[in-house]
N, C-alpha and C. Protein backbone atom coordinates (compact mmCIF):
# COMPACT_ATOMS: atom_id res chain seq x y z
N MET A 1 -3.35 19.15 8.60
CA MET A 1 -1.94 18.81 8.58
C MET A 1 -1.69 17.47 9.26
N LEU A 2 -2.40 17.20 10.34
CA LEU A 2 -2.22 15.93 11.03
C LEU A 2 -2.61 14.76 10.14
N GLY A 3 -3.65 14.93 9.36
CA GLY A 3 -4.07 13.88 8.43
C GLY A 3 -3.01 13.58 7.38
N VAL A 4 -2.34 14.62 6.91
CA VAL A 4 -1.27 14.44 5.92
C VAL A 4 -0.13 13.65 6.54
N VAL A 5 0.24 13.98 7.76
CA VAL A 5 1.34 13.28 8.44
C VAL A 5 0.97 11.82 8.69
N LEU A 6 -0.23 11.58 9.18
CA LEU A 6 -0.65 10.20 9.46
C LEU A 6 -0.75 9.37 8.17
N PHE A 7 -1.27 9.97 7.11
CA PHE A 7 -1.37 9.25 5.85
C PHE A 7 0.00 8.98 5.26
N THR A 8 0.93 9.92 5.43
CA THR A 8 2.30 9.71 4.97
C THR A 8 2.95 8.56 5.73
N ILE A 9 2.73 8.50 7.02
CA ILE A 9 3.27 7.40 7.83
C ILE A 9 2.68 6.07 7.37
N ALA A 10 1.38 6.05 7.09
CA ALA A 10 0.74 4.82 6.61
C ALA A 10 1.32 4.40 5.27
N LEU A 11 1.50 5.34 4.35
CA LEU A 11 2.08 5.00 3.05
C LEU A 11 3.50 4.45 3.20
N LEU A 12 4.30 5.10 4.02
CA LEU A 12 5.68 4.63 4.21
C LEU A 12 5.72 3.27 4.89
N PHE A 13 4.85 3.07 5.88
CA PHE A 13 4.80 1.79 6.60
C PHE A 13 4.46 0.65 5.65
N TYR A 14 3.40 0.81 4.87
CA TYR A 14 3.01 -0.25 3.96
C TYR A 14 3.98 -0.38 2.80
N GLY A 15 4.61 0.70 2.40
CA GLY A 15 5.64 0.62 1.37
C GLY A 15 6.83 -0.20 1.83
N ILE A 16 7.23 -0.02 3.07
CA ILE A 16 8.35 -0.80 3.62
C ILE A 16 7.98 -2.27 3.71
N ILE A 17 6.76 -2.56 4.12
CA ILE A 17 6.32 -3.96 4.22
C ILE A 17 6.36 -4.63 2.85
N LEU A 18 5.90 -3.95 1.83
CA LEU A 18 5.81 -4.55 0.50
C LEU A 18 7.12 -4.55 -0.27
N SER A 19 8.03 -3.67 0.04
CA SER A 19 9.25 -3.55 -0.76
C SER A 19 10.36 -4.45 -0.29
N GLY A 20 10.05 -5.48 0.44
CA GLY A 20 11.08 -6.36 1.01
C GLY A 20 12.07 -6.90 0.00
N GLU A 21 11.58 -7.53 -1.07
CA GLU A 21 12.47 -8.14 -2.06
C GLU A 21 13.30 -7.09 -2.79
N ALA A 22 12.67 -6.00 -3.17
CA ALA A 22 13.40 -4.95 -3.88
C ALA A 22 14.43 -4.29 -2.96
N ALA A 23 14.10 -4.12 -1.70
CA ALA A 23 15.03 -3.50 -0.76
C ALA A 23 16.21 -4.41 -0.46
N ILE A 24 15.96 -5.72 -0.40
CA ILE A 24 17.06 -6.65 -0.14
C ILE A 24 18.04 -6.67 -1.31
N LYS A 25 17.50 -6.56 -2.53
CA LYS A 25 18.39 -6.50 -3.70
C LYS A 25 19.24 -5.23 -3.68
N ALA A 26 18.64 -4.12 -3.29
CA ALA A 26 19.37 -2.85 -3.26
C ALA A 26 20.28 -2.74 -2.05
N PHE A 27 19.81 -3.22 -0.90
CA PHE A 27 20.56 -3.14 0.36
C PHE A 27 20.63 -4.53 0.99
N PRO A 28 21.65 -5.33 0.66
CA PRO A 28 21.73 -6.71 1.18
C PRO A 28 21.78 -6.79 2.71
N ASN A 29 22.24 -5.74 3.38
CA ASN A 29 22.32 -5.76 4.84
C ASN A 29 20.95 -5.72 5.50
N SER A 30 19.91 -5.37 4.76
CA SER A 30 18.57 -5.26 5.34
C SER A 30 17.81 -6.58 5.31
N LYS A 31 18.45 -7.66 4.94
CA LYS A 31 17.78 -8.95 4.81
C LYS A 31 17.18 -9.42 6.13
N GLY A 32 17.91 -9.27 7.22
CA GLY A 32 17.41 -9.69 8.53
C GLY A 32 16.17 -8.93 8.95
N PHE A 33 16.14 -7.63 8.69
CA PHE A 33 14.99 -6.80 9.04
C PHE A 33 13.74 -7.25 8.29
N PHE A 34 13.87 -7.49 6.99
CA PHE A 34 12.72 -7.89 6.20
C PHE A 34 12.29 -9.33 6.48
N GLU A 35 13.23 -10.17 6.90
CA GLU A 35 12.84 -11.53 7.31
C GLU A 35 12.01 -11.48 8.59
N LYS A 36 12.35 -10.59 9.50
CA LYS A 36 11.55 -10.43 10.72
C LYS A 36 10.15 -9.93 10.38
N ILE A 37 10.06 -8.99 9.45
CA ILE A 37 8.74 -8.49 9.03
C ILE A 37 7.93 -9.62 8.40
N ASP A 38 8.55 -10.40 7.52
CA ASP A 38 7.83 -11.51 6.88
C ASP A 38 7.38 -12.55 7.90
N ASN A 39 8.24 -12.85 8.87
CA ASN A 39 7.86 -13.81 9.92
C ASN A 39 6.69 -13.30 10.75
N PHE A 40 6.68 -12.01 11.06
CA PHE A 40 5.58 -11.44 11.82
C PHE A 40 4.27 -11.50 11.03
N ILE A 41 4.36 -11.16 9.75
CA ILE A 41 3.15 -11.13 8.92
C ILE A 41 2.59 -12.52 8.70
N GLU A 42 3.44 -13.51 8.60
CA GLU A 42 2.97 -14.88 8.34
C GLU A 42 2.28 -15.51 9.55
N LYS A 43 2.54 -15.00 10.75
CA LYS A 43 1.95 -15.59 11.95
C LYS A 43 0.53 -15.10 12.16
N GLY A 44 -0.38 -16.03 12.32
CA GLY A 44 -1.75 -15.70 12.71
C GLY A 44 -2.45 -14.75 11.75
N PRO A 45 -3.32 -13.95 12.30
CA PRO A 45 -4.13 -13.06 11.46
C PRO A 45 -3.49 -11.70 11.17
N ALA A 46 -2.20 -11.56 11.39
CA ALA A 46 -1.55 -10.25 11.20
C ALA A 46 -1.69 -9.77 9.76
N ARG A 47 -1.53 -10.66 8.80
CA ARG A 47 -1.63 -10.27 7.39
C ARG A 47 -3.03 -9.75 7.07
N PHE A 48 -4.05 -10.43 7.58
CA PHE A 48 -5.43 -10.01 7.34
C PHE A 48 -5.70 -8.63 7.95
N PHE A 49 -5.28 -8.43 9.19
CA PHE A 49 -5.54 -7.15 9.85
C PHE A 49 -4.75 -6.00 9.22
N LEU A 50 -3.52 -6.27 8.80
CA LEU A 50 -2.75 -5.23 8.11
C LEU A 50 -3.43 -4.83 6.79
N ALA A 51 -3.94 -5.83 6.07
CA ALA A 51 -4.64 -5.53 4.81
C ALA A 51 -5.95 -4.80 5.07
N LEU A 52 -6.65 -5.19 6.11
CA LEU A 52 -7.92 -4.53 6.44
C LEU A 52 -7.69 -3.07 6.83
N ILE A 53 -6.70 -2.82 7.66
CA ILE A 53 -6.39 -1.45 8.06
C ILE A 53 -5.94 -0.64 6.85
N CYS A 54 -5.15 -1.24 5.99
CA CYS A 54 -4.70 -0.56 4.77
C CYS A 54 -5.88 -0.17 3.90
N LEU A 55 -6.83 -1.07 3.74
CA LEU A 55 -8.02 -0.78 2.94
C LEU A 55 -8.86 0.32 3.57
N ILE A 56 -9.04 0.26 4.88
CA ILE A 56 -9.84 1.28 5.57
C ILE A 56 -9.20 2.66 5.46
N VAL A 57 -7.88 2.74 5.66
CA VAL A 57 -7.19 4.02 5.56
C VAL A 57 -7.25 4.56 4.13
N GLY A 58 -7.10 3.67 3.15
CA GLY A 58 -7.18 4.10 1.76
C GLY A 58 -8.56 4.64 1.40
N ILE A 59 -9.60 3.95 1.84
CA ILE A 59 -10.97 4.40 1.55
C ILE A 59 -11.27 5.68 2.32
N TRP A 60 -10.83 5.75 3.58
CA TRP A 60 -11.05 6.96 4.37
C TRP A 60 -10.43 8.18 3.70
N ASN A 61 -9.19 8.04 3.25
CA ASN A 61 -8.52 9.17 2.62
C ASN A 61 -9.10 9.46 1.24
N LEU A 62 -9.70 8.47 0.62
CA LEU A 62 -10.32 8.67 -0.69
C LEU A 62 -11.48 9.65 -0.60
N PHE A 63 -12.23 9.57 0.51
CA PHE A 63 -13.39 10.43 0.67
C PHE A 63 -13.12 11.67 1.53
N ALA A 64 -11.92 11.78 2.07
CA ALA A 64 -11.61 12.92 2.94
C ALA A 64 -11.48 14.24 2.19
N PRO A 65 -10.73 14.32 1.08
CA PRO A 65 -10.59 15.63 0.43
C PRO A 65 -11.82 15.97 -0.42
N ASN A 66 -11.88 17.21 -0.82
CA ASN A 66 -12.99 17.68 -1.63
C ASN A 66 -12.56 17.60 -3.10
N PHE A 67 -12.96 16.53 -3.78
CA PHE A 67 -12.57 16.35 -5.18
C PHE A 67 -13.45 17.16 -6.13
N VAL A 68 -14.46 17.83 -5.60
CA VAL A 68 -15.33 18.64 -6.44
C VAL A 68 -14.72 20.00 -6.70
N ALA A 69 -13.74 20.38 -5.93
CA ALA A 69 -13.11 21.70 -6.07
C ALA A 69 -12.48 21.84 -7.46
N THR A 70 -12.18 23.06 -7.84
CA THR A 70 -11.63 23.31 -9.17
C THR A 70 -10.23 22.72 -9.32
N ASN A 71 -9.44 22.69 -8.27
CA ASN A 71 -8.11 22.13 -8.31
C ASN A 71 -8.09 20.83 -7.50
N ALA A 72 -8.53 19.76 -8.12
CA ALA A 72 -8.63 18.48 -7.42
C ALA A 72 -7.25 17.93 -7.11
N PRO A 73 -7.03 17.48 -5.91
CA PRO A 73 -5.72 16.94 -5.53
C PRO A 73 -5.53 15.50 -6.00
N ILE A 74 -5.47 15.31 -7.32
CA ILE A 74 -5.36 13.97 -7.89
C ILE A 74 -4.05 13.31 -7.48
N LEU A 75 -2.94 13.99 -7.70
CA LEU A 75 -1.64 13.41 -7.42
C LEU A 75 -1.38 13.29 -5.92
N GLY A 76 -1.90 14.22 -5.15
CA GLY A 76 -1.60 14.25 -3.73
C GLY A 76 -2.53 13.45 -2.87
N ALA A 77 -3.74 13.12 -3.33
CA ALA A 77 -4.67 12.41 -2.47
C ALA A 77 -5.35 11.22 -3.16
N LEU A 78 -5.80 11.39 -4.39
CA LEU A 78 -6.54 10.31 -5.05
C LEU A 78 -5.64 9.12 -5.35
N ILE A 79 -4.51 9.37 -5.97
CA ILE A 79 -3.62 8.26 -6.35
C ILE A 79 -3.06 7.55 -5.12
N PRO A 80 -2.58 8.25 -4.08
CA PRO A 80 -2.14 7.52 -2.88
C PRO A 80 -3.25 6.71 -2.22
N SER A 81 -4.47 7.20 -2.25
CA SER A 81 -5.59 6.44 -1.68
C SER A 81 -5.83 5.16 -2.46
N LEU A 82 -5.81 5.27 -3.77
CA LEU A 82 -6.00 4.09 -4.60
C LEU A 82 -4.84 3.11 -4.45
N ILE A 83 -3.64 3.65 -4.26
CA ILE A 83 -2.47 2.79 -4.05
C ILE A 83 -2.63 2.00 -2.75
N LEU A 84 -3.08 2.64 -1.68
CA LEU A 84 -3.29 1.91 -0.43
C LEU A 84 -4.38 0.86 -0.57
N CYS A 85 -5.43 1.17 -1.29
CA CYS A 85 -6.49 0.17 -1.50
C CYS A 85 -5.94 -1.03 -2.28
N ALA A 86 -5.10 -0.77 -3.28
CA ALA A 86 -4.49 -1.86 -4.04
C ALA A 86 -3.48 -2.62 -3.19
N ASP A 87 -2.77 -1.91 -2.32
CA ASP A 87 -1.80 -2.57 -1.44
C ASP A 87 -2.47 -3.57 -0.51
N SER A 88 -3.69 -3.30 -0.13
CA SER A 88 -4.38 -4.25 0.74
C SER A 88 -4.59 -5.58 0.04
N ALA A 89 -4.84 -5.54 -1.28
CA ALA A 89 -4.99 -6.78 -2.05
C ALA A 89 -3.65 -7.48 -2.25
N VAL A 90 -2.56 -6.71 -2.23
CA VAL A 90 -1.24 -7.31 -2.39
C VAL A 90 -0.78 -7.91 -1.06
N ILE A 91 -1.07 -7.24 0.05
CA ILE A 91 -0.67 -7.75 1.36
C ILE A 91 -1.41 -9.04 1.69
N TYR A 92 -2.70 -9.08 1.39
CA TYR A 92 -3.51 -10.27 1.68
C TYR A 92 -4.15 -10.76 0.39
N PRO A 93 -3.38 -11.48 -0.45
CA PRO A 93 -3.94 -11.92 -1.73
C PRO A 93 -5.03 -12.97 -1.58
N GLY A 94 -5.17 -13.54 -0.40
CA GLY A 94 -6.20 -14.54 -0.17
C GLY A 94 -7.61 -13.99 -0.24
N MET A 95 -7.76 -12.67 -0.27
CA MET A 95 -9.11 -12.09 -0.33
C MET A 95 -9.78 -12.39 -1.66
N ILE A 96 -9.02 -12.81 -2.64
CA ILE A 96 -9.62 -13.13 -3.94
C ILE A 96 -10.39 -14.45 -3.87
N GLU A 97 -10.17 -15.22 -2.84
CA GLU A 97 -10.86 -16.50 -2.70
C GLU A 97 -12.36 -16.34 -2.50
N ILE A 98 -12.80 -15.19 -2.01
CA ILE A 98 -14.23 -15.01 -1.78
C ILE A 98 -14.97 -14.60 -3.05
N ILE A 99 -14.21 -14.27 -4.11
CA ILE A 99 -14.81 -13.88 -5.38
C ILE A 99 -14.97 -15.13 -6.24
N ASN A 100 -16.09 -15.26 -6.89
CA ASN A 100 -16.38 -16.43 -7.71
C ASN A 100 -15.79 -16.25 -9.11
N ILE A 101 -14.51 -16.59 -9.26
CA ILE A 101 -13.84 -16.55 -10.55
C ILE A 101 -13.14 -17.88 -10.77
N PRO A 102 -12.82 -18.21 -12.01
CA PRO A 102 -12.16 -19.49 -12.29
C PRO A 102 -10.79 -19.60 -11.61
N ASP A 103 -10.39 -20.84 -11.36
CA ASP A 103 -9.12 -21.08 -10.66
C ASP A 103 -7.91 -20.62 -11.47
N ASP A 104 -7.98 -20.70 -12.80
CA ASP A 104 -6.84 -20.24 -13.59
C ASP A 104 -6.65 -18.73 -13.47
N SER A 105 -7.74 -17.99 -13.33
CA SER A 105 -7.64 -16.54 -13.11
C SER A 105 -7.05 -16.23 -11.74
N LYS A 106 -7.43 -17.04 -10.75
CA LYS A 106 -6.85 -16.86 -9.41
C LYS A 106 -5.35 -17.14 -9.43
N ALA A 107 -4.94 -18.17 -10.17
CA ALA A 107 -3.52 -18.49 -10.26
C ALA A 107 -2.75 -17.36 -10.94
N LYS A 108 -3.34 -16.77 -11.98
CA LYS A 108 -2.70 -15.63 -12.65
C LYS A 108 -2.58 -14.44 -11.70
N TYR A 109 -3.61 -14.24 -10.89
CA TYR A 109 -3.58 -13.15 -9.92
C TYR A 109 -2.46 -13.34 -8.91
N TYR A 110 -2.33 -14.56 -8.38
CA TYR A 110 -1.27 -14.84 -7.40
C TYR A 110 0.11 -14.65 -8.02
N GLU A 111 0.28 -15.07 -9.28
CA GLU A 111 1.56 -14.88 -9.96
C GLU A 111 1.86 -13.39 -10.14
N PHE A 112 0.83 -12.64 -10.52
CA PHE A 112 0.99 -11.20 -10.71
C PHE A 112 1.39 -10.51 -9.41
N VAL A 113 0.75 -10.89 -8.32
CA VAL A 113 1.05 -10.29 -7.01
C VAL A 113 2.48 -10.60 -6.61
N GLU A 114 2.91 -11.84 -6.76
CA GLU A 114 4.27 -12.20 -6.39
C GLU A 114 5.30 -11.50 -7.26
N LYS A 115 4.97 -11.31 -8.53
CA LYS A 115 5.91 -10.69 -9.45
C LYS A 115 6.11 -9.20 -9.17
N TYR A 116 5.01 -8.50 -8.84
CA TYR A 116 5.07 -7.05 -8.70
C TYR A 116 4.94 -6.55 -7.27
N LYS A 117 5.09 -7.43 -6.31
CA LYS A 117 4.97 -7.03 -4.90
C LYS A 117 6.03 -6.00 -4.52
N GLY A 118 7.27 -6.22 -4.91
CA GLY A 118 8.35 -5.28 -4.58
C GLY A 118 8.16 -3.93 -5.25
N MET A 119 7.69 -3.95 -6.50
CA MET A 119 7.47 -2.68 -7.20
C MET A 119 6.32 -1.91 -6.55
N ALA A 120 5.31 -2.62 -6.07
CA ALA A 120 4.21 -1.95 -5.38
C ALA A 120 4.72 -1.24 -4.13
N GLY A 121 5.66 -1.85 -3.43
CA GLY A 121 6.24 -1.22 -2.26
C GLY A 121 7.03 0.02 -2.59
N VAL A 122 7.80 -0.04 -3.67
CA VAL A 122 8.60 1.12 -4.08
C VAL A 122 7.68 2.27 -4.51
N VAL A 123 6.63 1.96 -5.25
CA VAL A 123 5.68 3.00 -5.68
C VAL A 123 4.98 3.60 -4.46
N THR A 124 4.63 2.77 -3.49
CA THR A 124 3.99 3.26 -2.28
C THR A 124 4.91 4.17 -1.49
N ILE A 125 6.18 3.81 -1.38
CA ILE A 125 7.15 4.67 -0.70
C ILE A 125 7.32 5.98 -1.45
N PHE A 126 7.36 5.92 -2.79
CA PHE A 126 7.50 7.14 -3.59
C PHE A 126 6.33 8.09 -3.32
N PHE A 127 5.11 7.58 -3.34
CA PHE A 127 3.97 8.46 -3.08
C PHE A 127 3.89 8.85 -1.61
N GLY A 128 4.44 8.01 -0.73
CA GLY A 128 4.52 8.39 0.68
C GLY A 128 5.44 9.57 0.90
N LEU A 129 6.49 9.66 0.10
CA LEU A 129 7.39 10.81 0.18
C LEU A 129 6.83 12.02 -0.57
N LEU A 130 6.10 11.76 -1.64
CA LEU A 130 5.51 12.84 -2.42
C LEU A 130 4.32 13.49 -1.71
N HIS A 131 3.61 12.73 -0.91
CA HIS A 131 2.41 13.22 -0.23
C HIS A 131 2.69 14.44 0.66
N PRO A 132 3.71 14.42 1.53
CA PRO A 132 3.94 15.62 2.35
C PRO A 132 4.54 16.78 1.55
N ILE A 133 5.21 16.47 0.44
CA ILE A 133 5.77 17.54 -0.38
C ILE A 133 4.66 18.34 -1.03
N LEU A 134 3.59 17.66 -1.43
CA LEU A 134 2.48 18.32 -2.12
C LEU A 134 1.34 18.69 -1.18
N PHE A 135 1.60 18.76 0.13
CA PHE A 135 0.49 19.00 1.06
C PHE A 135 -0.13 20.38 0.87
N ARG A 136 0.61 21.34 0.38
CA ARG A 136 0.02 22.68 0.15
C ARG A 136 -1.05 22.60 -0.94
N GLN A 137 -0.82 21.78 -1.97
CA GLN A 137 -1.85 21.63 -2.99
C GLN A 137 -3.01 20.79 -2.49
N ILE A 138 -2.75 19.94 -1.51
CA ILE A 138 -3.82 19.08 -0.98
C ILE A 138 -4.74 19.90 -0.08
N LEU A 139 -4.16 20.74 0.77
CA LEU A 139 -4.95 21.42 1.78
C LEU A 139 -5.39 22.83 1.36
N PHE A 140 -4.63 23.48 0.52
CA PHE A 140 -4.93 24.89 0.22
C PHE A 140 -5.19 25.11 -1.24
């Protein structure tokens, strides 16, 4: 149960970080809050460490449940784990620089990340809320 709560908190935390633009459009009063988050992330290595922690938590939760069981918790554990792993690439898009791909593909990747960053946050928040609702199917 503690793992479900901690993973839910991680999903909601990263969902809030990523959903800045979408949240500002829906709730204009939240602009100051998301500007503070963006300023914090832009300073120093915070973006890198947030992405690294996001990737580690996603991979950890990916291998935590027993997917060999007859009732695999696909919706409750596999998809949220993959979402957190993908969120790490959205939070720190500079990680693509270490991969040897053409510059035009990198530019397309950066455009894609900027275009769908807010939607990634909303999807992460959705699965963050869905994760504790489906915890009985995850654990039992």
